[in-house]
């Protein structure tokens, strides 16, 4: 069971930013390997936040936080070498553009710190690929 944060100011702050080296918007997480690339890129670059439940146009559509957190945990532990540590926050949003919505929707923020070690992702062929963040993209590092 989770207890959502009802302080919408953090989400408003996120919505006032653009995707970039330390912020990525994701509507949902449906591919562990793909999100592992973002996790490692943040850890290998400057750290960052993944806002799940918000699309690229900054529209809050909400998510099932338990399901999304499960996918992040799976990616961080099973796809990232070494595993990525992160912190999560679940927010309950009941106002969008000053209009009350019912039922409430949830947004999950995943915070990844810059790591002291380099992380990689095992691709489908079993090769370890290291990623870093350039602007709003997670790209393979050139070895």
Protein backbone atom coordinates (compact mmCIF):
# COMPACT_ATOMS: atom_id res chain seq x y z
CA UNK A 1 0.00 0.00 0.00
CA UNK A 2 1.29 3.45 -0.83
CA UNK A 3 0.45 6.82 0.63
CA UNK A 4 0.41 9.43 -2.12
CA UNK A 5 1.70 12.94 -1.64
CA UNK A 6 -1.08 15.46 -2.20
CA UNK A 7 1.19 18.48 -2.55
CA UNK A 8 0.71 19.38 -6.19
CA UNK A 9 3.43 22.09 -6.12
CA UNK A 10 6.15 19.53 -6.97
CA UNK A 11 4.22 18.42 -10.05
CA UNK A 12 3.61 22.05 -11.08
CA UNK A 13 7.37 22.66 -10.81
CA UNK A 14 8.03 19.63 -13.05
CA UNK A 15 5.45 20.84 -15.59
CA UNK A 16 7.20 24.22 -15.76
CA UNK A 17 10.40 22.51 -16.93
CA UNK A 18 11.29 21.06 -20.30
CA UNK A 19 12.59 17.59 -20.94
CA UNK A 20 16.34 17.67 -20.94
CA UNK A 21 19.50 16.30 -19.43
CA UNK A 22 17.86 15.83 -15.99
CA UNK A 23 14.13 15.38 -16.77
CA UNK A 24 12.18 12.87 -18.84
CA UNK A 25 8.39 12.55 -19.19
CA UNK A 26 6.94 9.06 -19.67
CA UNK A 27 3.27 8.29 -20.14
CA UNK A 28 3.75 4.70 -18.95
CA UNK A 29 6.53 2.13 -18.59
CA UNK A 30 5.90 -0.90 -20.78
CA UNK A 31 9.44 -1.98 -21.62
CA UNK A 32 12.00 -2.72 -18.88
CA UNK A 33 14.93 -2.58 -21.28
CA UNK A 34 13.91 0.82 -22.64
CA UNK A 35 13.46 2.44 -19.22
CA UNK A 36 16.74 0.87 -18.05
CA UNK A 37 18.48 2.99 -20.71
CA UNK A 38 17.04 6.16 -19.17
CA UNK A 39 17.92 5.05 -15.63
CA UNK A 40 21.55 4.35 -16.58
CA UNK A 41 21.84 7.52 -18.66
CA UNK A 42 20.76 9.63 -15.67
CA UNK A 43 23.09 7.74 -13.30
CA UNK A 44 26.02 8.07 -15.72
CA UNK A 45 25.48 11.78 -16.47
CA UNK A 46 24.07 14.25 -13.92
CA UNK A 47 21.25 12.36 -12.25
CA UNK A 48 17.66 13.17 -13.07
CA UNK A 49 13.94 12.65 -12.65
CA UNK A 50 11.54 10.51 -14.65
CA UNK A 51 7.95 11.79 -14.42
CA UNK A 52 5.60 8.88 -15.17
CA UNK A 53 1.96 9.60 -15.97
CA UNK A 54 2.77 12.78 -17.94
CA UNK A 55 3.10 12.75 -21.71
CA UNK A 56 5.65 14.69 -23.79
CA UNK A 57 3.15 17.54 -24.23
CA UNK A 58 3.03 17.84 -20.40
CA UNK A 59 -0.51 16.51 -20.15
CA UNK A 60 -1.18 14.58 -16.95
CA UNK A 61 -2.97 11.35 -17.81
CA UNK A 62 -2.13 9.37 -14.69
CA UNK A 63 -0.98 5.82 -14.07
CA UNK A 64 -1.36 2.82 -11.78
CA UNK A 65 1.56 3.66 -9.47
CA UNK A 66 2.04 0.13 -8.16
CA UNK A 67 2.36 -1.30 -11.68
CA UNK A 68 4.71 1.43 -12.87
CA UNK A 69 6.89 1.17 -9.76
CA UNK A 70 7.12 -2.60 -10.29
CA UNK A 71 8.38 -2.03 -13.87
CA UNK A 72 10.98 0.51 -12.67
CA UNK A 73 12.20 -1.81 -9.91
CA UNK A 74 12.45 -4.70 -12.37
CA UNK A 75 14.43 -2.59 -14.84
CA UNK A 76 16.75 -1.17 -12.15
CA UNK A 77 17.53 -4.60 -10.67
CA UNK A 78 17.44 -6.93 -13.67
CA UNK A 79 18.52 -4.84 -16.65
CA UNK A 80 21.03 -2.39 -15.17
CA UNK A 81 24.59 -3.54 -14.41
CA UNK A 82 25.31 -2.72 -11.62
CA UNK A 83 21.73 -2.18 -10.40
CA UNK A 84 20.52 1.42 -10.17
CA UNK A 85 19.37 2.89 -6.88
CA UNK A 86 16.52 5.39 -7.02
CA UNK A 87 13.94 7.14 -4.89
CA UNK A 88 10.27 7.31 -5.79
CA UNK A 89 7.42 9.66 -4.96
CA UNK A 90 3.75 9.11 -5.77
CA UNK A 91 1.55 12.16 -6.18
CA UNK A 92 -2.22 12.25 -6.21
CA UNK A 93 -3.42 14.92 -8.62
CA UNK A 94 -6.97 16.15 -8.26
CA UNK A 95 -6.67 19.48 -10.09
CA UNK A 96 -5.50 20.03 -13.65
CA UNK A 97 -5.38 23.60 -14.95
CA UNK A 98 -7.29 24.74 -11.84
CA UNK A 99 -10.16 22.37 -12.71
CA UNK A 100 -11.08 19.65 -10.22
CA UNK A 101 -10.94 16.16 -11.67
CA UNK A 102 -12.66 13.09 -10.37
CA UNK A 103 -11.41 10.49 -9.82
CA UNK A 104 -7.92 11.58 -8.88
CA UNK A 105 -4.99 10.48 -11.02
CA UNK A 106 -1.51 9.51 -9.92
CA UNK A 107 1.92 10.60 -11.09
CA UNK A 108 5.10 8.76 -10.16
CA UNK A 109 8.43 10.58 -9.90
CA UNK A 110 11.60 8.50 -10.06
CA UNK A 111 14.73 10.29 -8.83
CA UNK A 112 18.13 8.93 -9.89
CA UNK A 113 21.32 10.39 -8.45
CA UNK A 114 24.55 10.71 -10.40
CA UNK A 115 26.49 7.54 -9.65
CA UNK A 116 30.13 7.16 -8.70
CA UNK A 117 30.34 4.07 -10.94
CA UNK A 118 29.43 3.61 -14.59
CA UNK A 119 26.26 1.63 -15.27
CA UNK A 120 25.25 -0.29 -18.37
CA UNK A 121 22.29 -2.16 -19.81
CA UNK A 122 22.46 -5.72 -21.09
CA UNK A 123 20.90 -5.69 -24.53
CA UNK A 124 19.01 -8.64 -26.05
CA UNK A 125 22.28 -10.05 -27.42
CA UNK A 126 23.86 -9.97 -23.94
CA UNK A 127 26.19 -7.05 -24.70
CA UNK A 128 26.67 -4.40 -22.01
CA UNK A 129 25.87 -0.94 -23.40
CA UNK A 130 26.60 2.22 -21.40
CA UNK A 131 24.27 5.18 -21.88
CA UNK A 132 24.55 8.88 -21.14
CA UNK A 133 22.17 11.78 -21.43
CA UNK A 134 22.46 14.35 -24.23
CA UNK A 135 19.76 17.03 -24.19
CA UNK A 136 16.53 15.00 -23.84
CA UNK A 137 17.87 11.68 -25.19
CA UNK A 138 19.54 8.66 -23.65
CA UNK A 139 22.21 7.58 -26.11
CA UNK A 140 24.88 4.86 -26.12
CA UNK A 141 28.28 6.02 -24.98
CA UNK A 142 31.04 5.64 -27.54
CA UNK A 143 33.64 3.22 -26.19
